[in-house]
Amino acid sequence: MTVIENQAFDTERALYGSDSVKALTCRFDGPADGESAFKESSDITAQNCFFNLRYPFWHGKHITVTGSEMTELCRAAFWYTEDISIDNTAMHGIKALRECSDVKINNCDIVSPEFGWFTKNVEMKDCSAVGEYFMFRASGLNFDNVTLSGKYSFQYIEDCVFTNCRFDTKDAFWHAKNVLVKDSVVNGEYLAWYCENVTFENCTVTGTQPLCYCKGLKMINCRMEKADLSFEKSDVQAQIISGVDSIKNPKSGSITVMSVNEIIMDDKDAECKIIISGN
């Protein structure tokens, strides 16, 4: 492996097509403002590096980035790349991860609108994230201890598991399929409309008009707060261990709830059974 240490690169495609390179404490920045530093490269390790230019890792394989910084100007850092490991790194450019597969992200700070679109098999652990349309149309996500603040998150995702997470995001999980959310807190309006085969287990869900137009929705041992007009037009099996503000016209299944302030059943097709369990 070739080792490059304490160097600065700012030209176009500075290390294009590299193979088996370790960059230590290098800077990708400068007046030439060149793009695509490691495009079409493989077996690359970047450690304690500074990325301030666009598109550093496109069409790559076997990329490891640790202890590094990707600034706001490091736009679209990872696209069309396979087998990526990112650890203890700031990812602050827009669209920082797109159309990549087999990705592990640990202990990272992510501030990136439109992050993770069309990605496959992404593991994320002990991370914080801010961004709109987070993980749009991704599949095979496995998140543990991730906090997220944003809007329109996890829309159209499939085959995903989220554990011990906190999400503050409106319009999350729309059209999601085959998703499990466990031991987590989800705050936001209009949660998971049009989803299919989504399960919330040991979760707290907060916000207006959650879980409408769902198919195969399950809630196991969950709490709901400030949840009004819940479950409209949904096929649901729910065990709620708290009160609910209101339930409106759930289509089918059953909902067991500690208490409910208002039940609205004015749709002839609303046949879901609602059971008030009390204390």
C-alpha atoms as a PDB file:
ATOM      1  CA  MET A   1       0.000   0.000   0.000  1.00  0.00           C
ATOM      2  CA  THR A   2       1.261   3.440  -0.949  1.00  0.00           C
ATOM      3  CA  VAL A   3       1.262   5.922   1.953  1.00  0.00           C
ATOM      4  CA  ILE A   4       0.699   9.637   1.305  1.00  0.00           C
ATOM      5  CA  GLU A   5       1.173  11.853   4.356  1.00  0.00           C
ATOM      6  CA  ASN A   6       0.777  15.575   5.107  1.00  0.00           C
ATOM      7  CA  GLN A   7       0.115  16.569   1.508  1.00  0.00           C
ATOM      8  CA  ALA A   8      -2.412  18.922  -0.074  1.00  0.00           C
ATOM      9  CA  PHE A   9      -4.338  18.233  -3.288  1.00  0.00           C
ATOM     10  CA  ASP A  10      -6.561  20.663  -5.173  1.00  0.00           C
ATOM     11  CA  THR A  11      -6.266  19.676  -8.841  1.00  0.00           C
ATOM     12  CA  GLU A  12      -8.955  17.915 -10.867  1.00  0.00           C
ATOM     13  CA  ARG A  13      -8.957  14.121 -10.259  1.00  0.00           C
ATOM     14  CA  ALA A  14      -5.792  14.449  -8.188  1.00  0.00           C
ATOM     15  CA  LEU A  15      -5.577  10.736  -7.354  1.00  0.00           C
ATOM     16  CA  TYR A  16      -7.909   9.354 -10.020  1.00  0.00           C
ATOM     17  CA  GLY A  17      -7.914   5.585 -10.405  1.00  0.00           C
ATOM     18  CA  SER A  18      -5.693   4.957  -7.400  1.00  0.00           C
ATOM     19  CA  ASP A  19      -5.361   1.483  -5.907  1.00  0.00           C
ATOM     20  CA  SER A  20      -4.146   0.554  -2.415  1.00  0.00           C
ATOM     21  CA  VAL A  21      -3.453   4.071  -1.115  1.00  0.00           C
ATOM     22  CA  LYS A  22      -3.436   5.319   2.486  1.00  0.00           C
ATOM     23  CA  ALA A  23      -3.775   9.101   2.858  1.00  0.00           C
ATOM     24  CA  LEU A  24      -2.745  10.352   6.306  1.00  0.00           C
ATOM     25  CA  THR A  25      -3.451  13.911   7.474  1.00  0.00           C
ATOM     26  CA  CYS A  26      -3.929  15.153   3.924  1.00  0.00           C
ATOM     27  CA  ARG A  27      -5.940  18.156   2.728  1.00  0.00           C
ATOM     28  CA  PHE A  28      -8.153  18.154  -0.337  1.00  0.00           C
ATOM     29  CA  ASP A  29      -8.519  21.881  -0.679  1.00  0.00           C
ATOM     30  CA  GLY A  30      -6.989  24.798  -2.535  1.00  0.00           C
ATOM     31  CA  PRO A  31      -7.293  27.434  -5.256  1.00  0.00           C
ATOM     32  CA  ALA A  32      -7.407  25.014  -8.196  1.00  0.00           C
ATOM     33  CA  ASP A  33     -10.793  23.855  -6.839  1.00  0.00           C
ATOM     34  CA  GLY A  34     -10.515  20.458  -8.519  1.00  0.00           C
ATOM     35  CA  GLU A  35     -13.177  17.755  -8.221  1.00  0.00           C
ATOM     36  CA  SER A  36     -13.252  13.960  -7.890  1.00  0.00           C
ATOM     37  CA  ALA A  37      -9.983  13.372  -6.037  1.00  0.00           C
ATOM     38  CA  PHE A  38     -10.370   9.571  -5.675  1.00  0.00           C
ATOM     39  CA  LYS A  39     -12.812   8.849  -8.500  1.00  0.00           C
ATOM     40  CA  GLU A  40     -12.668   5.259  -9.847  1.00  0.00           C
ATOM     41  CA  SER A  41     -10.320   4.215  -7.011  1.00  0.00           C
ATOM     42  CA  SER A  42     -10.207   1.094  -4.819  1.00  0.00           C
ATOM     43  CA  ASP A  43      -8.697  -0.011  -1.518  1.00  0.00           C
ATOM     44  CA  ILE A  44      -8.386   3.540  -0.226  1.00  0.00           C
ATOM     45  CA  THR A  45      -7.902   4.596   3.398  1.00  0.00           C
ATOM     46  CA  ALA A  46      -8.220   8.261   4.377  1.00  0.00           C
ATOM     47  CA  GLN A  47      -7.265   8.976   7.981  1.00  0.00           C
ATOM     48  CA  ASN A  48      -7.405  12.389   9.687  1.00  0.00           C
ATOM     49  CA  CYS A  49      -8.001  14.091   6.350  1.00  0.00           C
ATOM     50  CA  PHE A  50      -9.745  17.349   5.431  1.00  0.00           C
ATOM     51  CA  PHE A  51     -12.103  17.351   2.423  1.00  0.00           C
ATOM     52  CA  ASN A  52     -13.254  20.748   1.177  1.00  0.00           C
ATOM     53  CA  LEU A  53     -13.791  19.915  -2.511  1.00  0.00           C
ATOM     54  CA  ARG A  54     -16.591  18.145  -4.401  1.00  0.00           C
ATOM     55  CA  TYR A  55     -17.154  14.476  -5.282  1.00  0.00           C
ATOM     56  CA  PRO A  56     -14.075  12.857  -3.676  1.00  0.00           C
ATOM     57  CA  PHE A  57     -15.296   9.238  -3.737  1.00  0.00           C
ATOM     58  CA  TRP A  58     -17.298   8.364  -6.860  1.00  0.00           C
ATOM     59  CA  HIS A  59     -17.370   4.914  -8.504  1.00  0.00           C
ATOM     60  CA  GLY A  60     -15.039   3.421  -5.896  1.00  0.00           C
ATOM     61  CA  LYS A  61     -14.681   0.144  -4.004  1.00  0.00           C
ATOM     62  CA  HIS A  62     -13.358  -0.714  -0.544  1.00  0.00           C
ATOM     63  CA  ILE A  63     -13.102   2.790   0.907  1.00  0.00           C
ATOM     64  CA  THR A  64     -12.300   3.555   4.574  1.00  0.00           C
ATOM     65  CA  VAL A  65     -12.509   7.049   6.060  1.00  0.00           C
ATOM     66  CA  THR A  66     -11.674   7.685   9.727  1.00  0.00           C
ATOM     67  CA  GLY A  67     -11.232  10.742  11.924  1.00  0.00           C
ATOM     68  CA  SER A  68     -11.827  13.108   9.017  1.00  0.00           C
ATOM     69  CA  GLU A  69     -13.845  16.196   8.112  1.00  0.00           C
ATOM     70  CA  MET A  70     -16.007  16.712   5.050  1.00  0.00           C
ATOM     71  CA  THR A  71     -17.138  20.344   4.978  1.00  0.00           C
ATOM     72  CA  GLU A  72     -20.233  21.969   3.482  1.00  0.00           C
ATOM     73  CA  LEU A  73     -18.270  22.413   0.266  1.00  0.00           C
ATOM     74  CA  CYS A  74     -17.555  18.686   0.045  1.00  0.00           C
ATOM     75  CA  ARG A  75     -20.686  18.087  -1.996  1.00  0.00           C
ATOM     76  CA  ALA A  76     -21.871  14.571  -2.883  1.00  0.00           C
ATOM     77  CA  ALA A  77     -18.888  12.846  -1.302  1.00  0.00           C
ATOM     78  CA  PHE A  78     -19.867   9.194  -1.917  1.00  0.00           C
ATOM     79  CA  TRP A  79     -21.808   8.156  -5.043  1.00  0.00           C
ATOM     80  CA  TYR A  80     -21.904   4.803  -6.869  1.00  0.00           C
ATOM     81  CA  THR A  81     -19.405   3.286  -4.414  1.00  0.00           C
ATOM     82  CA  GLU A  82     -19.329  -0.170  -2.786  1.00  0.00           C
ATOM     83  CA  ASP A  83     -17.960  -1.420   0.541  1.00  0.00           C
ATOM     84  CA  ILE A  84     -17.508   1.766   2.538  1.00  0.00           C
ATOM     85  CA  SER A  85     -16.508   2.221   6.187  1.00  0.00           C
ATOM     86  CA  ILE A  86     -16.825   5.701   7.727  1.00  0.00           C
ATOM     87  CA  ASP A  87     -15.881   6.267  11.368  1.00  0.00           C
ATOM     88  CA  ASN A  88     -15.606   9.330  13.618  1.00  0.00           C
ATOM     89  CA  THR A  89     -16.076  11.675  10.669  1.00  0.00           C
ATOM     90  CA  ALA A  90     -18.034  14.874  10.032  1.00  0.00           C
ATOM     91  CA  MET A  91     -20.145  14.536   6.898  1.00  0.00           C
ATOM     92  CA  HIS A  92     -21.437  18.065   6.302  1.00  0.00           C
ATOM     93  CA  GLY A  93     -21.906  18.321   2.533  1.00  0.00           C
ATOM     94  CA  ILE A  94     -25.254  18.026   0.777  1.00  0.00           C
ATOM     95  CA  LYS A  95     -26.044  14.590  -0.715  1.00  0.00           C
ATOM     96  CA  ALA A  96     -23.065  13.086   1.114  1.00  0.00           C
ATOM     97  CA  LEU A  97     -24.123   9.489   0.381  1.00  0.00           C
ATOM     98  CA  ARG A  98     -26.048   8.398  -2.715  1.00  0.00           C
ATOM     99  CA  GLU A  99     -26.583   5.158  -4.641  1.00  0.00           C
ATOM    100  CA  CYS A 100     -23.955   3.285  -2.615  1.00  0.00           C
ATOM    101  CA  SER A 101     -24.054  -0.219  -1.143  1.00  0.00           C
ATOM    102  CA  ASP A 102     -22.600  -2.130   1.803  1.00  0.00           C
ATOM    103  CA  VAL A 103     -21.855   0.882   3.992  1.00  0.00           C
ATOM    104  CA  LYS A 104     -20.910   1.058   7.685  1.00  0.00           C
ATOM    105  CA  ILE A 105     -21.126   4.438   9.430  1.00  0.00           C
ATOM    106  CA  ASN A 106     -20.085   4.709  13.083  1.00  0.00           C
ATOM    107  CA  ASN A 107     -19.799   7.616  15.491  1.00  0.00           C
ATOM    108  CA  CYS A 108     -20.304  10.241  12.791  1.00  0.00           C
ATOM    109  CA  ASP A 109     -21.881  13.708  12.730  1.00  0.00           C
ATOM    110  CA  ILE A 110     -24.028  14.082   9.635  1.00  0.00           C
ATOM    111  CA  VAL A 111     -25.467  17.411   8.453  1.00  0.00           C
ATOM    112  CA  SER A 112     -26.563  16.664   4.924  1.00  0.00           C
ATOM    113  CA  PRO A 113     -29.825  17.294   3.071  1.00  0.00           C
ATOM    114  CA  GLU A 114     -30.874  14.463   0.738  1.00  0.00           C
ATOM    115  CA  PHE A 115     -28.557  11.975   2.429  1.00  0.00           C
ATOM    116  CA  GLY A 116     -28.612   8.282   1.596  1.00  0.00           C
ATOM    117  CA  TRP A 117     -30.922   8.235  -1.446  1.00  0.00           C
ATOM    118  CA  PHE A 118     -31.150   4.850  -3.196  1.00  0.00           C
ATOM    119  CA  THR A 119     -28.559   3.244  -0.902  1.00  0.00           C
ATOM    120  CA  LYS A 120     -28.520  -0.473  -0.057  1.00  0.00           C
ATOM    121  CA  ASN A 121     -27.342  -2.283   3.077  1.00  0.00           C
ATOM    122  CA  VAL A 122     -26.309   0.620   5.285  1.00  0.00           C
ATOM    123  CA  GLU A 123     -25.388   0.014   8.932  1.00  0.00           C
ATOM    124  CA  MET A 124     -25.341   3.135  11.111  1.00  0.00           C
ATOM    125  CA  LYS A 125     -24.451   3.179  14.816  1.00  0.00           C
ATOM    126  CA  ASP A 126     -23.928   5.896  17.441  1.00  0.00           C
ATOM    127  CA  CYS A 127     -24.489   8.745  14.985  1.00  0.00           C
ATOM    128  CA  SER A 128     -26.346  12.054  14.903  1.00  0.00           C
ATOM    129  CA  ALA A 129     -27.918  13.365  11.704  1.00  0.00           C
ATOM    130  CA  VAL A 130     -29.677  16.478  10.418  1.00  0.00           C
ATOM    131  CA  GLY A 131     -31.233  16.651   6.967  1.00  0.00           C
ATOM    132  CA  GLU A 132     -34.329  16.625   4.783  1.00  0.00           C
ATOM    133  CA  TYR A 133     -35.442  13.568   2.794  1.00  0.00           C
ATOM    134  CA  PHE A 134     -33.024  11.408   4.794  1.00  0.00           C
ATOM    135  CA  MET A 135     -32.549   7.916   3.296  1.00  0.00           C
ATOM    136  CA  PHE A 136     -35.158   8.312   0.533  1.00  0.00           C
ATOM    137  CA  ARG A 137     -35.803   4.980  -1.250  1.00  0.00           C
ATOM    138  CA  ALA A 138     -33.071   3.172   0.688  1.00  0.00           C
ATOM    139  CA  SER A 139     -33.220  -0.537   1.522  1.00  0.00           C
ATOM    140  CA  GLY A 140     -31.565  -2.869   3.995  1.00  0.00           C
ATOM    141  CA  LEU A 141     -30.926  -0.208   6.646  1.00  0.00           C
ATOM    142  CA  ASN A 142     -29.847  -1.314  10.130  1.00  0.00           C
ATOM    143  CA  PHE A 143     -29.605   1.590  12.604  1.00  0.00           C
ATOM    144  CA  ASP A 144     -28.656   1.465  16.290  1.00  0.00           C
ATOM    145  CA  ASN A 145     -28.535   4.513  18.580  1.00  0.00           C
ATOM    146  CA  VAL A 146     -29.043   7.107  15.869  1.00  0.00           C
ATOM    147  CA  THR A 147     -30.593  10.533  16.451  1.00  0.00           C
ATOM    148  CA  LEU A 148     -32.153  12.410  13.550  1.00  0.00           C
ATOM    149  CA  SER A 149     -33.664  15.845  13.090  1.00  0.00           C
ATOM    150  CA  GLY A 150     -35.295  16.685   9.776  1.00  0.00           C
ATOM    151  CA  LYS A 151     -38.327  16.348   7.518  1.00  0.00           C
ATOM    152  CA  TYR A 152     -39.612  13.727   5.080  1.00  0.00           C
ATOM    153  CA  SER A 153     -37.305  11.007   6.422  1.00  0.00           C
ATOM    154  CA  PHE A 154     -37.229   7.318   5.455  1.00  0.00           C
ATOM    155  CA  GLN A 155     -39.795   7.661   2.675  1.00  0.00           C
ATOM    156  CA  TYR A 156     -40.208   4.617   0.398  1.00  0.00           C
ATOM    157  CA  ILE A 157     -37.637   2.572   2.362  1.00  0.00           C
ATOM    158  CA  GLU A 158     -37.789  -1.248   2.460  1.00  0.00           C
ATOM    159  CA  ASP A 159     -36.505  -4.095   4.652  1.00  0.00           C
ATOM    160  CA  CYS A 160     -35.074  -1.995   7.487  1.00  0.00           C
ATOM    161  CA  VAL A 161     -34.512  -2.250  11.269  1.00  0.00           C
ATOM    162  CA  PHE A 162     -34.124   0.664  13.695  1.00  0.00           C
ATOM    163  CA  THR A 163     -33.208   0.073  17.352  1.00  0.00           C
ATOM    164  CA  ASN A 164     -32.716   2.505  20.242  1.00  0.00           C
ATOM    165  CA  CYS A 165     -33.125   5.547  18.016  1.00  0.00           C
ATOM    166  CA  ARG A 166     -34.668   8.999  18.382  1.00  0.00           C
ATOM    167  CA  PHE A 167     -36.220  10.628  15.330  1.00  0.00           C
ATOM    168  CA  ASP A 168     -37.630  14.176  15.334  1.00  0.00           C
ATOM    169  CA  THR A 169     -39.050  14.372  11.834  1.00  0.00           C
ATOM    170  CA  LYS A 170     -42.389  15.022  10.175  1.00  0.00           C
ATOM    171  CA  ASP A 171     -43.797  12.922   7.337  1.00  0.00           C
ATOM    172  CA  ALA A 172     -41.463  10.043   8.223  1.00  0.00           C
ATOM    173  CA  PHE A 173     -41.773   6.470   6.906  1.00  0.00           C
ATOM    174  CA  TRP A 174     -44.288   7.328   4.165  1.00  0.00           C
ATOM    175  CA  HIS A 175     -44.758   4.328   1.844  1.00  0.00           C
ATOM    176  CA  ALA A 176     -42.234   2.316   3.888  1.00  0.00           C
ATOM    177  CA  LYS A 177     -42.382  -1.492   3.557  1.00  0.00           C
ATOM    178  CA  ASN A 178     -41.201  -4.289   5.843  1.00  0.00           C
ATOM    179  CA  VAL A 179     -39.759  -2.101   8.588  1.00  0.00           C
ATOM    180  CA  LEU A 180     -39.207  -2.741  12.320  1.00  0.00           C
ATOM    181  CA  VAL A 181     -38.717   0.147  14.773  1.00  0.00           C
ATOM    182  CA  LYS A 182     -37.808  -0.994  18.312  1.00  0.00           C
ATOM    183  CA  ASP A 183     -37.133   0.738  21.641  1.00  0.00           C
ATOM    184  CA  SER A 184     -37.233   4.131  19.960  1.00  0.00           C
ATOM    185  CA  VAL A 185     -38.870   7.566  20.142  1.00  0.00           C
ATOM    186  CA  VAL A 186     -40.459   9.022  17.015  1.00  0.00           C
ATOM    187  CA  ASN A 187     -41.665  12.631  17.185  1.00  0.00           C
ATOM    188  CA  GLY A 188     -43.382  14.278  14.249  1.00  0.00           C
ATOM    189  CA  GLU A 189     -46.579  14.946  12.377  1.00  0.00           C
ATOM    190  CA  TYR A 190     -48.228  12.559   9.916  1.00  0.00           C
ATOM    191  CA  LEU A 191     -46.148   9.498  10.738  1.00  0.00           C
ATOM    192  CA  ALA A 192     -45.922   6.562   8.338  1.00  0.00           C
ATOM    193  CA  TRP A 193     -48.879   7.229   6.029  1.00  0.00           C
ATOM    194  CA  TYR A 194     -49.353   4.611   3.293  1.00  0.00           C
ATOM    195  CA  CYS A 195     -46.826   2.236   4.872  1.00  0.00           C
ATOM    196  CA  GLU A 196     -47.010  -1.562   4.574  1.00  0.00           C
ATOM    197  CA  ASN A 197     -45.914  -4.214   7.073  1.00  0.00           C
ATOM    198  CA  VAL A 198     -44.354  -1.731   9.488  1.00  0.00           C
ATOM    199  CA  THR A 199     -44.009  -2.642  13.184  1.00  0.00           C
ATOM    200  CA  PHE A 200     -43.355  -0.322  16.127  1.00  0.00           C
ATOM    201  CA  GLU A 201     -42.287  -2.230  19.258  1.00  0.00           C
ATOM    202  CA  ASN A 202     -41.673  -0.639  22.680  1.00  0.00           C
ATOM    203  CA  CYS A 203     -41.771   2.805  21.088  1.00  0.00           C
ATOM    204  CA  THR A 204     -43.142   6.235  21.951  1.00  0.00           C
ATOM    205  CA  VAL A 205     -44.898   7.974  19.069  1.00  0.00           C
ATOM    206  CA  THR A 206     -45.750  11.670  19.282  1.00  0.00           C
ATOM    207  CA  GLY A 207     -47.600  13.974  16.896  1.00  0.00           C
ATOM    208  CA  THR A 208     -50.833  14.683  15.087  1.00  0.00           C
ATOM    209  CA  GLN A 209     -52.560  12.319  12.641  1.00  0.00           C
ATOM    210  CA  PRO A 210     -50.184   9.369  12.843  1.00  0.00           C
ATOM    211  CA  LEU A 211     -50.380   6.040  11.036  1.00  0.00           C
ATOM    212  CA  CYS A 212     -53.074   6.604   8.426  1.00  0.00           C
ATOM    213  CA  TYR A 213     -53.783   4.567   5.269  1.00  0.00           C
ATOM    214  CA  CYS A 214     -51.493   1.762   6.498  1.00  0.00           C
ATOM    215  CA  LYS A 215     -51.540  -1.931   5.596  1.00  0.00           C
ATOM    216  CA  GLY A 216     -50.328  -4.617   7.996  1.00  0.00           C
ATOM    217  CA  LEU A 217     -49.409  -2.072  10.678  1.00  0.00           C
ATOM    218  CA  LYS A 218     -48.417  -3.460  14.096  1.00  0.00           C
ATOM    219  CA  MET A 219     -47.834  -1.617  17.365  1.00  0.00           C
ATOM    220  CA  ILE A 220     -46.546  -3.679  20.287  1.00  0.00           C
ATOM    221  CA  ASN A 221     -46.332  -2.212  23.793  1.00  0.00           C
ATOM    222  CA  CYS A 222     -46.190   1.375  22.506  1.00  0.00           C
ATOM    223  CA  ARG A 223     -47.084   4.773  23.913  1.00  0.00           C
ATOM    224  CA  MET A 224     -48.740   7.574  21.957  1.00  0.00           C
ATOM    225  CA  GLU A 225     -48.643  11.261  22.905  1.00  0.00           C
ATOM    226  CA  LYS A 226     -50.506  14.210  21.339  1.00  0.00           C
ATOM    227  CA  ALA A 227     -51.837  11.714  18.832  1.00  0.00           C
ATOM    228  CA  ASP A 228     -55.154  12.866  17.419  1.00  0.00           C
ATOM    229  CA  LEU A 229     -57.067  11.505  14.425  1.00  0.00           C
ATOM    230  CA  SER A 230     -54.947   8.361  14.572  1.00  0.00           C
ATOM    231  CA  PHE A 231     -55.133   5.276  12.325  1.00  0.00           C
ATOM    232  CA  GLU A 232     -57.529   6.665   9.704  1.00  0.00           C
ATOM    233  CA  LYS A 233     -58.211   4.083   6.962  1.00  0.00           C
ATOM    234  CA  SER A 234     -55.561   1.712   8.386  1.00  0.00           C
ATOM    235  CA  ASP A 235     -55.396  -2.061   8.766  1.00  0.00           C
ATOM    236  CA  VAL A 236     -53.826  -2.298  12.228  1.00  0.00           C
ATOM    237  CA  GLN A 237     -53.074  -4.567  15.159  1.00  0.00           C
ATOM    238  CA  ALA A 238     -52.096  -2.297  18.059  1.00  0.00           C
ATOM    239  CA  GLN A 239     -51.392  -2.601  21.763  1.00  0.00           C
ATOM    240  CA  ILE A 240     -51.141   0.923  23.192  1.00  0.00           C
ATOM    241  CA  ILE A 241     -50.102   1.235  26.849  1.00  0.00           C
ATOM    242  CA  SER A 242     -51.136   4.887  27.107  1.00  0.00           C
ATOM    243  CA  GLY A 243     -54.098   7.053  26.285  1.00  0.00           C
ATOM    244  CA  VAL A 244     -54.730   8.391  22.789  1.00  0.00           C
ATOM    245  CA  ASP A 245     -56.276  11.778  21.990  1.00  0.00           C
ATOM    246  CA  SER A 246     -58.503  10.482  19.206  1.00  0.00           C
ATOM    247  CA  ILE A 247     -58.942   7.569  16.807  1.00  0.00           C
ATOM    248  CA  LYS A 248     -60.632   8.102  13.454  1.00  0.00           C
ATOM    249  CA  ASN A 249     -62.119   5.450  11.182  1.00  0.00           C
ATOM    250  CA  PRO A 250     -59.518   2.670  11.347  1.00  0.00           C
ATOM    251  CA  LYS A 251     -60.391   0.264   8.559  1.00  0.00           C
ATOM    252  CA  SER A 252     -59.706  -3.200  10.041  1.00  0.00           C
ATOM    253  CA  GLY A 253     -57.925  -5.147  12.771  1.00  0.00           C
ATOM    254  CA  SER A 254     -57.991  -4.252  16.452  1.00  0.00           C
ATOM    255  CA  ILE A 255     -56.641  -1.516  18.699  1.00  0.00           C
ATOM    256  CA  THR A 256     -56.244  -2.028  22.431  1.00  0.00           C
ATOM    257  CA  VAL A 257     -55.687   1.263  24.235  1.00  0.00           C
ATOM    258  CA  MET A 258     -55.639   2.399  27.868  1.00  0.00           C
ATOM    259  CA  SER A 259     -58.012   5.268  27.141  1.00  0.00           C
ATOM    260  CA  VAL A 260     -59.125   7.471  24.277  1.00  0.00           C
ATOM    261  CA  ASN A 261     -60.645  10.940  24.438  1.00  0.00           C
ATOM    262  CA  GLU A 262     -62.633  10.602  21.211  1.00  0.00           C
ATOM    263  CA  ILE A 263     -63.510   7.776  18.835  1.00  0.00           C
ATOM    264  CA  ILE A 264     -64.782   8.844  15.409  1.00  0.00           C
ATOM    265  CA  MET A 265     -66.444   6.061  13.433  1.00  0.00           C
ATOM    266  CA  ASP A 266     -68.477   7.797  10.734  1.00  0.00           C
ATOM    267  CA  ASP A 267     -67.179   5.814   7.744  1.00  0.00           C
ATOM    268  CA  LYS A 268     -69.214   2.737   6.768  1.00  0.00           C
ATOM    269  CA  ASP A 269     -65.993   0.862   5.915  1.00  0.00           C
ATOM    270  CA  ALA A 270     -64.410   1.434   9.342  1.00  0.00           C
ATOM    271  CA  GLU A 271     -64.658  -2.000  10.960  1.00  0.00           C
ATOM    272  CA  CYS A 272     -61.619  -2.061  13.270  1.00  0.00           C
ATOM    273  CA  LYS A 273     -62.332  -3.230  16.825  1.00  0.00           C
ATOM    274  CA  ILE A 274     -61.349  -0.745  19.514  1.00  0.00           C
ATOM    275  CA  ILE A 275     -60.810  -2.108  23.036  1.00  0.00           C
ATOM    276  CA  ILE A 276     -60.461   0.212  26.026  1.00  0.00           C
ATOM    277  CA  SER A 277     -58.312  -1.621  28.557  1.00  0.00           C
ATOM    278  CA  GLY A 278     -58.310   0.962  31.378  1.00  0.00           C
ATOM    279  CA  ASN A 279     -55.600   1.050  34.061  1.00  0.00           C
END
